[in-house]
Amino acid sequence: MDESAVRELTDETFESEAREKPGWCVVDFYAIWCPHCKAFRPIFEEAASEYAGPLRFFAADVEKCEEAAAESDIRSIPTVIIFHNGEKVDTHTGGMTRPDLCAWLEEKTAE
């Protein structure tokens, strides 16, 4: 896996990296203590390696990105949000299998 496929966000970098840059962006909101987040992370990282290029992948620890999590209305984790040109396209709460994540990404980014 390419270690740089998923980049960590902070409240300071959320706007500039996830919202202001043009193109597709996928953000996984998680917490290090969350068992569901830990189980989902390898799946997210595999998808990031596969789709890197047309999509940018980020991870946002809700305890380090409190403002971004509040602004994005994160109420449960893991939550993945797809942005296009800074606008929220879709949100998925809860873990997914790799095939489900890939199908969701392909469906939403084809729009």
N, C-alpha and C. Protein backbone atom coordinates (compact mmCIF):
# COMPACT_ATOMS: atom_id res chain seq x y z
N MET A 1 0.83 -1.19 0.00
CA MET A 1 0.00 0.00 0.00
C MET A 1 0.87 1.24 0.00
N ASP A 2 0.49 2.23 -0.75
CA ASP A 2 1.18 3.51 -0.80
C ASP A 2 0.82 4.31 0.45
N GLU A 3 1.81 4.56 1.30
CA GLU A 3 1.57 5.26 2.56
C GLU A 3 0.99 6.65 2.34
N SER A 4 1.30 7.27 1.21
CA SER A 4 0.81 8.62 0.96
C SER A 4 -0.59 8.65 0.35
N ALA A 5 -1.20 7.49 0.14
CA ALA A 5 -2.52 7.45 -0.49
C ALA A 5 -3.59 8.10 0.38
N VAL A 6 -3.45 8.02 1.71
CA VAL A 6 -4.38 8.66 2.63
C VAL A 6 -3.59 9.66 3.46
N ARG A 7 -3.99 10.91 3.37
CA ARG A 7 -3.30 11.95 4.15
C ARG A 7 -4.18 12.41 5.29
N GLU A 8 -3.56 12.65 6.43
CA GLU A 8 -4.28 13.11 7.63
C GLU A 8 -4.63 14.59 7.50
N LEU A 9 -5.82 14.93 7.94
CA LEU A 9 -6.26 16.32 7.99
C LEU A 9 -6.31 16.79 9.43
N THR A 10 -6.22 18.09 9.60
CA THR A 10 -6.45 18.75 10.88
C THR A 10 -7.47 19.85 10.61
N ASP A 11 -7.95 20.49 11.66
CA ASP A 11 -8.85 21.62 11.45
C ASP A 11 -8.18 22.70 10.61
N GLU A 12 -6.87 22.84 10.77
CA GLU A 12 -6.14 23.87 10.04
C GLU A 12 -6.02 23.55 8.55
N THR A 13 -6.02 22.26 8.18
CA THR A 13 -5.83 21.89 6.78
C THR A 13 -7.11 21.44 6.08
N PHE A 14 -8.19 21.25 6.83
CA PHE A 14 -9.42 20.72 6.24
C PHE A 14 -9.94 21.58 5.09
N GLU A 15 -10.09 22.86 5.32
CA GLU A 15 -10.63 23.73 4.27
C GLU A 15 -9.74 23.75 3.03
N SER A 16 -8.45 23.95 3.22
CA SER A 16 -7.56 24.09 2.07
C SER A 16 -7.39 22.79 1.30
N GLU A 17 -7.39 21.67 1.97
CA GLU A 17 -7.17 20.38 1.30
C GLU A 17 -8.46 19.74 0.80
N ALA A 18 -9.50 19.76 1.61
CA ALA A 18 -10.72 19.02 1.26
C ALA A 18 -11.79 19.88 0.60
N ARG A 19 -11.80 21.16 0.90
CA ARG A 19 -12.91 21.98 0.42
C ARG A 19 -12.52 22.98 -0.67
N GLU A 20 -11.28 23.44 -0.68
CA GLU A 20 -10.92 24.50 -1.61
C GLU A 20 -10.24 24.02 -2.89
N LYS A 21 -9.67 22.82 -2.88
CA LYS A 21 -9.02 22.32 -4.09
C LYS A 21 -10.06 21.73 -5.02
N PRO A 22 -9.91 21.98 -6.32
CA PRO A 22 -10.87 21.41 -7.28
C PRO A 22 -10.69 19.90 -7.40
N GLY A 23 -11.74 19.25 -7.84
CA GLY A 23 -11.69 17.81 -8.06
C GLY A 23 -12.41 17.03 -6.98
N TRP A 24 -12.17 15.73 -6.98
CA TRP A 24 -12.83 14.79 -6.08
C TRP A 24 -11.98 14.57 -4.83
N CYS A 25 -12.66 14.53 -3.70
CA CYS A 25 -11.99 14.34 -2.41
C CYS A 25 -12.86 13.41 -1.57
N VAL A 26 -12.23 12.44 -0.91
CA VAL A 26 -12.93 11.48 -0.05
C VAL A 26 -12.32 11.59 1.34
N VAL A 27 -13.16 11.84 2.34
CA VAL A 27 -12.67 12.02 3.71
C VAL A 27 -13.30 10.98 4.62
N ASP A 28 -12.46 10.25 5.35
CA ASP A 28 -12.89 9.28 6.35
C ASP A 28 -12.77 9.94 7.72
N PHE A 29 -13.90 10.23 8.36
CA PHE A 29 -13.90 10.75 9.73
C PHE A 29 -13.88 9.55 10.67
N TYR A 30 -12.94 9.55 11.59
CA TYR A 30 -12.72 8.39 12.46
C TYR A 30 -12.20 8.85 13.82
N ALA A 31 -12.00 7.88 14.73
CA ALA A 31 -11.31 8.12 16.00
C ALA A 31 -10.41 6.92 16.26
N ILE A 32 -9.27 7.16 16.86
CA ILE A 32 -8.31 6.07 17.07
C ILE A 32 -8.84 5.01 18.05
N TRP A 33 -9.76 5.37 18.90
CA TRP A 33 -10.31 4.44 19.89
C TRP A 33 -11.52 3.64 19.37
N CYS A 34 -11.98 3.94 18.17
CA CYS A 34 -13.20 3.33 17.61
C CYS A 34 -12.88 2.00 16.93
N PRO A 35 -13.41 0.87 17.44
CA PRO A 35 -13.12 -0.43 16.82
C PRO A 35 -13.64 -0.55 15.38
N HIS A 36 -14.79 0.05 15.09
CA HIS A 36 -15.33 -0.01 13.72
C HIS A 36 -14.45 0.79 12.76
N CYS A 37 -13.90 1.89 13.26
CA CYS A 37 -12.98 2.70 12.45
C CYS A 37 -11.70 1.92 12.15
N LYS A 38 -11.19 1.23 13.16
CA LYS A 38 -9.97 0.43 12.98
C LYS A 38 -10.19 -0.67 11.96
N ALA A 39 -11.37 -1.29 11.99
CA ALA A 39 -11.68 -2.36 11.05
C ALA A 39 -11.84 -1.83 9.63
N PHE A 40 -12.39 -0.61 9.50
CA PHE A 40 -12.64 -0.02 8.19
C PHE A 40 -11.38 0.58 7.57
N ARG A 41 -10.44 1.03 8.36
CA ARG A 41 -9.28 1.76 7.85
C ARG A 41 -8.51 1.02 6.77
N PRO A 42 -8.17 -0.29 6.94
CA PRO A 42 -7.45 -0.98 5.85
C PRO A 42 -8.23 -1.01 4.54
N ILE A 43 -9.53 -1.11 4.61
CA ILE A 43 -10.38 -1.11 3.42
C ILE A 43 -10.30 0.25 2.74
N PHE A 44 -10.38 1.31 3.54
CA PHE A 44 -10.28 2.68 3.01
C PHE A 44 -8.91 2.90 2.37
N GLU A 45 -7.86 2.41 3.02
CA GLU A 45 -6.50 2.58 2.49
C GLU A 45 -6.30 1.81 1.18
N GLU A 46 -6.89 0.62 1.07
CA GLU A 46 -6.81 -0.15 -0.18
C GLU A 46 -7.51 0.61 -1.31
N ALA A 47 -8.69 1.15 -1.03
CA ALA A 47 -9.41 1.91 -2.05
C ALA A 47 -8.62 3.16 -2.43
N ALA A 48 -8.00 3.79 -1.44
CA ALA A 48 -7.20 4.98 -1.72
C ALA A 48 -6.04 4.65 -2.65
N SER A 49 -5.41 3.52 -2.45
CA SER A 49 -4.31 3.12 -3.33
C SER A 49 -4.81 2.84 -4.74
N GLU A 50 -5.99 2.25 -4.84
CA GLU A 50 -6.55 1.90 -6.14
C GLU A 50 -7.04 3.13 -6.92
N TYR A 51 -7.66 4.07 -6.23
CA TYR A 51 -8.29 5.21 -6.90
C TYR A 51 -7.48 6.50 -6.81
N ALA A 52 -6.29 6.43 -6.23
CA ALA A 52 -5.46 7.64 -6.10
C ALA A 52 -5.21 8.21 -7.48
N GLY A 53 -5.27 9.49 -7.58
CA GLY A 53 -5.11 10.17 -8.87
C GLY A 53 -6.38 10.91 -9.16
N PRO A 54 -7.41 10.21 -9.65
CA PRO A 54 -8.67 10.92 -9.90
C PRO A 54 -9.34 11.36 -8.59
N LEU A 55 -9.06 10.64 -7.51
CA LEU A 55 -9.64 10.98 -6.20
C LEU A 55 -8.52 11.22 -5.21
N ARG A 56 -8.73 12.20 -4.33
CA ARG A 56 -7.79 12.44 -3.23
C ARG A 56 -8.43 11.87 -1.96
N PHE A 57 -7.65 11.16 -1.16
CA PHE A 57 -8.17 10.51 0.05
C PHE A 57 -7.54 11.11 1.30
N PHE A 58 -8.40 11.38 2.28
CA PHE A 58 -7.96 11.95 3.53
C PHE A 58 -8.62 11.24 4.70
N ALA A 59 -7.97 11.31 5.85
CA ALA A 59 -8.53 10.81 7.09
C ALA A 59 -8.57 11.98 8.07
N ALA A 60 -9.65 12.08 8.82
CA ALA A 60 -9.81 13.17 9.77
C ALA A 60 -10.22 12.59 11.12
N ASP A 61 -9.30 12.62 12.06
CA ASP A 61 -9.58 12.18 13.43
C ASP A 61 -10.52 13.21 14.05
N VAL A 62 -11.71 12.77 14.47
CA VAL A 62 -12.71 13.71 14.96
C VAL A 62 -12.25 14.46 16.21
N GLU A 63 -11.26 13.92 16.91
CA GLU A 63 -10.75 14.61 18.08
C GLU A 63 -9.71 15.67 17.72
N LYS A 64 -9.15 15.59 16.53
CA LYS A 64 -8.20 16.60 16.05
C LYS A 64 -8.85 17.53 15.03
N CYS A 65 -9.99 17.14 14.54
CA CYS A 65 -10.72 17.93 13.54
C CYS A 65 -12.13 18.23 14.06
N GLU A 66 -12.21 18.75 15.26
CA GLU A 66 -13.52 18.99 15.87
C GLU A 66 -14.36 19.97 15.07
N GLU A 67 -13.76 21.04 14.58
CA GLU A 67 -14.51 22.03 13.80
C GLU A 67 -14.98 21.43 12.48
N ALA A 68 -14.10 20.72 11.80
CA ALA A 68 -14.46 20.09 10.52
C ALA A 68 -15.55 19.05 10.72
N ALA A 69 -15.45 18.28 11.80
CA ALA A 69 -16.47 17.26 12.09
C ALA A 69 -17.82 17.91 12.38
N ALA A 70 -17.80 19.00 13.14
CA ALA A 70 -19.06 19.70 13.44
C ALA A 70 -19.64 20.31 12.18
N GLU A 71 -18.80 20.95 11.37
CA GLU A 71 -19.25 21.58 10.12
C GLU A 71 -19.82 20.52 9.16
N SER A 72 -19.23 19.33 9.19
CA SER A 72 -19.67 18.25 8.30
C SER A 72 -20.79 17.43 8.90
N ASP A 73 -21.28 17.83 10.07
CA ASP A 73 -22.40 17.17 10.76
C ASP A 73 -22.12 15.70 11.05
N ILE A 74 -20.90 15.41 11.52
CA ILE A 74 -20.53 14.04 11.86
C ILE A 74 -21.15 13.69 13.21
N ARG A 75 -22.00 12.68 13.22
CA ARG A 75 -22.68 12.25 14.44
C ARG A 75 -22.31 10.83 14.85
N SER A 76 -21.70 10.10 13.93
CA SER A 76 -21.31 8.73 14.17
C SER A 76 -20.07 8.45 13.33
N ILE A 77 -19.23 7.52 13.81
CA ILE A 77 -18.02 7.19 13.07
C ILE A 77 -17.92 5.68 12.92
N PRO A 78 -17.29 5.23 11.85
CA PRO A 78 -16.72 6.00 10.77
C PRO A 78 -17.79 6.60 9.87
N THR A 79 -17.49 7.77 9.34
CA THR A 79 -18.33 8.41 8.33
C THR A 79 -17.42 8.85 7.20
N VAL A 80 -17.79 8.51 5.98
CA VAL A 80 -17.02 8.89 4.80
C VAL A 80 -17.85 9.88 3.99
N ILE A 81 -17.20 10.98 3.61
CA ILE A 81 -17.86 12.00 2.81
C ILE A 81 -17.10 12.17 1.50
N ILE A 82 -17.84 12.24 0.41
CA ILE A 82 -17.27 12.54 -0.91
C ILE A 82 -17.58 14.00 -1.21
N PHE A 83 -16.53 14.76 -1.56
CA PHE A 83 -16.67 16.15 -1.98
C PHE A 83 -16.26 16.26 -3.44
N HIS A 84 -16.92 17.13 -4.18
CA HIS A 84 -16.50 17.46 -5.53
C HIS A 84 -16.45 18.98 -5.64
N ASN A 85 -15.27 19.49 -5.96
CA ASN A 85 -15.05 20.93 -6.04
C ASN A 85 -15.55 21.65 -4.79
N GLY A 86 -15.31 21.01 -3.63
CA GLY A 86 -15.65 21.60 -2.34
C GLY A 86 -17.05 21.38 -1.86
N GLU A 87 -17.91 20.84 -2.71
CA GLU A 87 -19.31 20.60 -2.33
C GLU A 87 -19.51 19.14 -1.92
N LYS A 88 -20.26 18.93 -0.86
CA LYS A 88 -20.55 17.57 -0.40
C LYS A 88 -21.45 16.88 -1.42
N VAL A 89 -21.01 15.70 -1.90
CA VAL A 89 -21.77 14.94 -2.87
C VAL A 89 -22.61 13.86 -2.17
N ASP A 90 -21.97 13.17 -1.22
CA ASP A 90 -22.68 12.10 -0.52
C ASP A 90 -21.94 11.77 0.77
N THR A 91 -22.67 11.15 1.69
CA THR A 91 -22.14 10.74 2.98
C THR A 91 -22.54 9.31 3.25
N HIS A 92 -21.62 8.54 3.79
CA HIS A 92 -21.93 7.17 4.21
C HIS A 92 -21.43 7.00 5.65
N THR A 93 -22.34 6.60 6.52
CA THR A 93 -21.99 6.37 7.92
C THR A 93 -21.91 4.87 8.18
N GLY A 94 -20.84 4.47 8.86
CA GLY A 94 -20.62 3.06 9.16
C GLY A 94 -19.61 2.47 8.21
N GLY A 95 -19.07 1.35 8.60
CA GLY A 95 -18.09 0.68 7.76
C GLY A 95 -18.72 0.10 6.50
N MET A 96 -17.87 -0.25 5.56
CA MET A 96 -18.31 -0.88 4.32
C MET A 96 -17.31 -1.96 3.96
N THR A 97 -17.75 -2.91 3.18
CA THR A 97 -16.82 -3.87 2.62
C THR A 97 -16.07 -3.17 1.49
N ARG A 98 -14.98 -3.73 1.06
CA ARG A 98 -14.22 -3.12 -0.04
C ARG A 98 -15.05 -3.03 -1.31
N PRO A 99 -15.76 -4.13 -1.70
CA PRO A 99 -16.60 -4.02 -2.91
C PRO A 99 -17.68 -2.94 -2.78
N ASP A 100 -18.28 -2.83 -1.59
CA ASP A 100 -19.32 -1.80 -1.39
C ASP A 100 -18.73 -0.40 -1.47
N LEU A 101 -17.56 -0.20 -0.85
CA LEU A 101 -16.90 1.11 -0.91
C LEU A 101 -16.55 1.47 -2.35
N CYS A 102 -15.97 0.53 -3.06
CA CYS A 102 -15.58 0.80 -4.46
C CYS A 102 -16.79 1.10 -5.33
N ALA A 103 -17.86 0.33 -5.15
CA ALA A 103 -19.09 0.57 -5.93
C ALA A 103 -19.67 1.94 -5.61
N TRP A 104 -19.67 2.32 -4.34
CA TRP A 104 -20.18 3.63 -3.92
C TRP A 104 -19.34 4.75 -4.52
N LEU A 105 -18.03 4.62 -4.44
CA LEU A 105 -17.13 5.63 -5.01
C LEU A 105 -17.35 5.77 -6.52
N GLU A 106 -17.44 4.65 -7.21
CA GLU A 106 -17.62 4.69 -8.67
C GLU A 106 -18.96 5.31 -9.03
N GLU A 107 -20.01 4.94 -8.30
CA GLU A 107 -21.34 5.49 -8.59
C GLU A 107 -21.37 6.99 -8.36
N LYS A 108 -20.85 7.44 -7.24
CA LYS A 108 -20.95 8.86 -6.88
C LYS A 108 -20.00 9.75 -7.67
N THR A 109 -18.84 9.24 -8.04
CA THR A 109 -17.90 10.08 -8.78
C THR A 109 -18.16 10.06 -10.28
N ALA A 110 -19.07 9.21 -10.73
CA ALA A 110 -19.45 9.18 -12.14
C ALA A 110 -20.50 10.24 -12.44
N GLU A 111 -21.11 10.79 -11.41
CA GLU A 111 -22.20 11.77 -11.59
C GLU A 111 -21.68 13.08 -12.10
